[in-house]
Amino acid sequence: MTDNTTADTDNEQQRLADLAEIGDVDLSQFAPGTFGCHEAMHTTSLMLDMTDDHLLQHPAILADPEFYRLASNVHEALFALYQAIGEKHLAD
């Protein structure tokens, strides 16, 4: 197994464990096009703004190249998540 395959498998196992932990939730209330999905998109937007305003602009982060690289990775991942949710949520 490659490192990416192992990471993907681990990630999927964690997702399924987290899904089981939330219990009896009607997931149809969170499908694209629903308020639940909109809420996830909005929360992602808030986290994206917070990452930009409070991490990427923080002097401790700006002063350390490794901190800045890691914070930038978080920002990029949140942006990708926001785009992915929006693409499905706002389709049609």
C-alpha atoms as a PDB file:
ATOM      1  CA  MET A   1       0.000   0.000   0.000  1.00  0.00           C
ATOM      2  CA  THR A   2       1.285   3.468  -0.805  1.00  0.00           C
ATOM      3  CA  ASP A   3       1.365   6.203   1.806  1.00  0.00           C
ATOM      4  CA  ASN A   4      -1.583   7.979   0.127  1.00  0.00           C
ATOM      5  CA  THR A   5      -3.636   4.787   0.045  1.00  0.00           C
ATOM      6  CA  THR A   6      -2.897   4.156   3.711  1.00  0.00           C
ATOM      7  CA  ALA A   7      -3.812   7.755   4.598  1.00  0.00           C
ATOM      8  CA  ASP A   8      -7.019   7.520   2.568  1.00  0.00           C
ATOM      9  CA  THR A   9      -7.939   4.242   4.273  1.00  0.00           C
ATOM     10  CA  ASP A  10      -7.198   5.688   7.713  1.00  0.00           C
ATOM     11  CA  ASN A  11      -9.197   8.806   6.883  1.00  0.00           C
ATOM     12  CA  GLU A  12     -12.189   6.749   5.734  1.00  0.00           C
ATOM     13  CA  GLN A  13     -12.047   4.574   8.841  1.00  0.00           C
ATOM     14  CA  GLN A  14     -12.028   7.702  11.007  1.00  0.00           C
ATOM     15  CA  ARG A  15     -14.943   9.206   9.032  1.00  0.00           C
ATOM     16  CA  LEU A  16     -17.004   6.063   9.535  1.00  0.00           C
ATOM     17  CA  ALA A  17     -16.154   5.965  13.255  1.00  0.00           C
ATOM     18  CA  ASP A  18     -17.145   9.639  13.616  1.00  0.00           C
ATOM     19  CA  LEU A  19     -20.347   8.990  11.692  1.00  0.00           C
ATOM     20  CA  ALA A  20     -21.214   6.093  14.008  1.00  0.00           C
ATOM     21  CA  GLU A  21     -20.491   8.271  17.031  1.00  0.00           C
ATOM     22  CA  ILE A  22     -23.052  10.938  16.094  1.00  0.00           C
ATOM     23  CA  GLY A  23     -25.742   8.302  16.413  1.00  0.00           C
ATOM     24  CA  ASP A  24     -29.182   8.343  14.893  1.00  0.00           C
ATOM     25  CA  VAL A  25     -29.062  11.454  12.702  1.00  0.00           C
ATOM     26  CA  ASP A  26     -31.174  11.879   9.582  1.00  0.00           C
ATOM     27  CA  LEU A  27     -28.376  12.567   7.098  1.00  0.00           C
ATOM     28  CA  SER A  28     -30.912  13.626   4.465  1.00  0.00           C
ATOM     29  CA  GLN A  29     -31.203  16.869   6.459  1.00  0.00           C
ATOM     30  CA  PHE A  30     -27.572  17.593   5.588  1.00  0.00           C
ATOM     31  CA  ALA A  31     -27.568  16.674   1.886  1.00  0.00           C
ATOM     32  CA  PRO A  32     -26.626  19.259  -0.726  1.00  0.00           C
ATOM     33  CA  GLY A  33     -29.420  21.764  -1.185  1.00  0.00           C
ATOM     34  CA  THR A  34     -30.567  21.609   2.449  1.00  0.00           C
ATOM     35  CA  PHE A  35     -30.130  24.081   5.273  1.00  0.00           C
ATOM     36  CA  GLY A  36     -27.808  21.581   6.960  1.00  0.00           C
ATOM     37  CA  CYS A  37     -25.451  21.647   3.988  1.00  0.00           C
ATOM     38  CA  HIS A  38     -25.685  25.437   3.822  1.00  0.00           C
ATOM     39  CA  GLU A  39     -24.738  25.532   7.510  1.00  0.00           C
ATOM     40  CA  ALA A  40     -21.614  23.445   6.796  1.00  0.00           C
ATOM     41  CA  MET A  41     -20.677  25.749   3.922  1.00  0.00           C
ATOM     42  CA  HIS A  42     -21.188  28.819   6.128  1.00  0.00           C
ATOM     43  CA  THR A  43     -19.119  27.335   8.958  1.00  0.00           C
ATOM     44  CA  THR A  44     -16.344  26.571   6.489  1.00  0.00           C
ATOM     45  CA  SER A  45     -16.469  30.189   5.330  1.00  0.00           C
ATOM     46  CA  LEU A  46     -16.157  31.422   8.920  1.00  0.00           C
ATOM     47  CA  MET A  47     -13.200  29.125   9.549  1.00  0.00           C
ATOM     48  CA  LEU A  48     -11.582  30.305   6.313  1.00  0.00           C
ATOM     49  CA  ASP A  49     -11.935  33.945   7.389  1.00  0.00           C
ATOM     50  CA  MET A  50     -10.635  33.164  10.873  1.00  0.00           C
ATOM     51  CA  THR A  51      -7.629  31.342   9.441  1.00  0.00           C
ATOM     52  CA  ASP A  52      -6.815  34.326   7.269  1.00  0.00           C
ATOM     53  CA  ASP A  53      -7.477  37.005   9.896  1.00  0.00           C
ATOM     54  CA  HIS A  54      -6.156  35.285  13.014  1.00  0.00           C
ATOM     55  CA  LEU A  55      -3.510  32.848  11.836  1.00  0.00           C
ATOM     56  CA  LEU A  56      -1.966  34.012   8.590  1.00  0.00           C
ATOM     57  CA  GLN A  57      -1.779  37.604   9.846  1.00  0.00           C
ATOM     58  CA  HIS A  58      -0.514  36.744  13.344  1.00  0.00           C
ATOM     59  CA  PRO A  59       3.050  37.974  13.978  1.00  0.00           C
ATOM     60  CA  ALA A  60       4.169  34.621  15.418  1.00  0.00           C
ATOM     61  CA  ILE A  61       2.983  32.866  12.266  1.00  0.00           C
ATOM     62  CA  LEU A  62       4.466  35.489   9.959  1.00  0.00           C
ATOM     63  CA  ALA A  63       7.813  35.284  11.757  1.00  0.00           C
ATOM     64  CA  ASP A  64       8.249  31.532  11.302  1.00  0.00           C
ATOM     65  CA  PRO A  65       8.334  30.044   7.780  1.00  0.00           C
ATOM     66  CA  GLU A  66       7.208  26.592   9.001  1.00  0.00           C
ATOM     67  CA  PHE A  67       4.263  28.031  10.954  1.00  0.00           C
ATOM     68  CA  TYR A  68       3.280  30.109   7.934  1.00  0.00           C
ATOM     69  CA  ARG A  69       3.521  27.113   5.588  1.00  0.00           C
ATOM     70  CA  LEU A  70       1.316  25.018   7.884  1.00  0.00           C
ATOM     71  CA  ALA A  71      -1.238  27.814   8.343  1.00  0.00           C
ATOM     72  CA  SER A  72      -1.288  28.334   4.568  1.00  0.00           C
ATOM     73  CA  ASN A  73      -1.990  24.610   4.103  1.00  0.00           C
ATOM     74  CA  VAL A  74      -4.950  24.908   6.486  1.00  0.00           C
ATOM     75  CA  HIS A  75      -6.230  27.928   4.563  1.00  0.00           C
ATOM     76  CA  GLU A  76      -5.880  26.133   1.222  1.00  0.00           C
ATOM     77  CA  ALA A  77      -7.648  23.027   2.558  1.00  0.00           C
ATOM     78  CA  LEU A  78     -10.543  25.097   3.922  1.00  0.00           C
ATOM     79  CA  PHE A  79     -10.837  26.950   0.620  1.00  0.00           C
ATOM     80  CA  ALA A  80     -10.936  23.624  -1.251  1.00  0.00           C
ATOM     81  CA  LEU A  81     -13.596  22.355   1.167  1.00  0.00           C
ATOM     82  CA  TYR A  82     -15.683  25.522   0.718  1.00  0.00           C
ATOM     83  CA  GLN A  83     -15.501  25.155  -3.070  1.00  0.00           C
ATOM     84  CA  ALA A  84     -16.386  21.441  -2.943  1.00  0.00           C
ATOM     85  CA  ILE A  85     -19.397  22.015  -0.691  1.00  0.00           C
ATOM     86  CA  GLY A  86     -20.541  24.970  -2.786  1.00  0.00           C
ATOM     87  CA  GLU A  87     -20.249  23.036  -6.028  1.00  0.00           C
ATOM     88  CA  LYS A  88     -22.600  20.325  -4.769  1.00  0.00           C
ATOM     89  CA  HIS A  89     -24.827  22.507  -2.581  1.00  0.00           C
ATOM     90  CA  LEU A  90     -25.493  25.180  -5.182  1.00  0.00           C
ATOM     91  CA  ALA A  91     -25.782  22.872  -8.211  1.00  0.00           C
ATOM     92  CA  ASP A  92     -28.974  23.373 -10.229  1.00  0.00           C
END
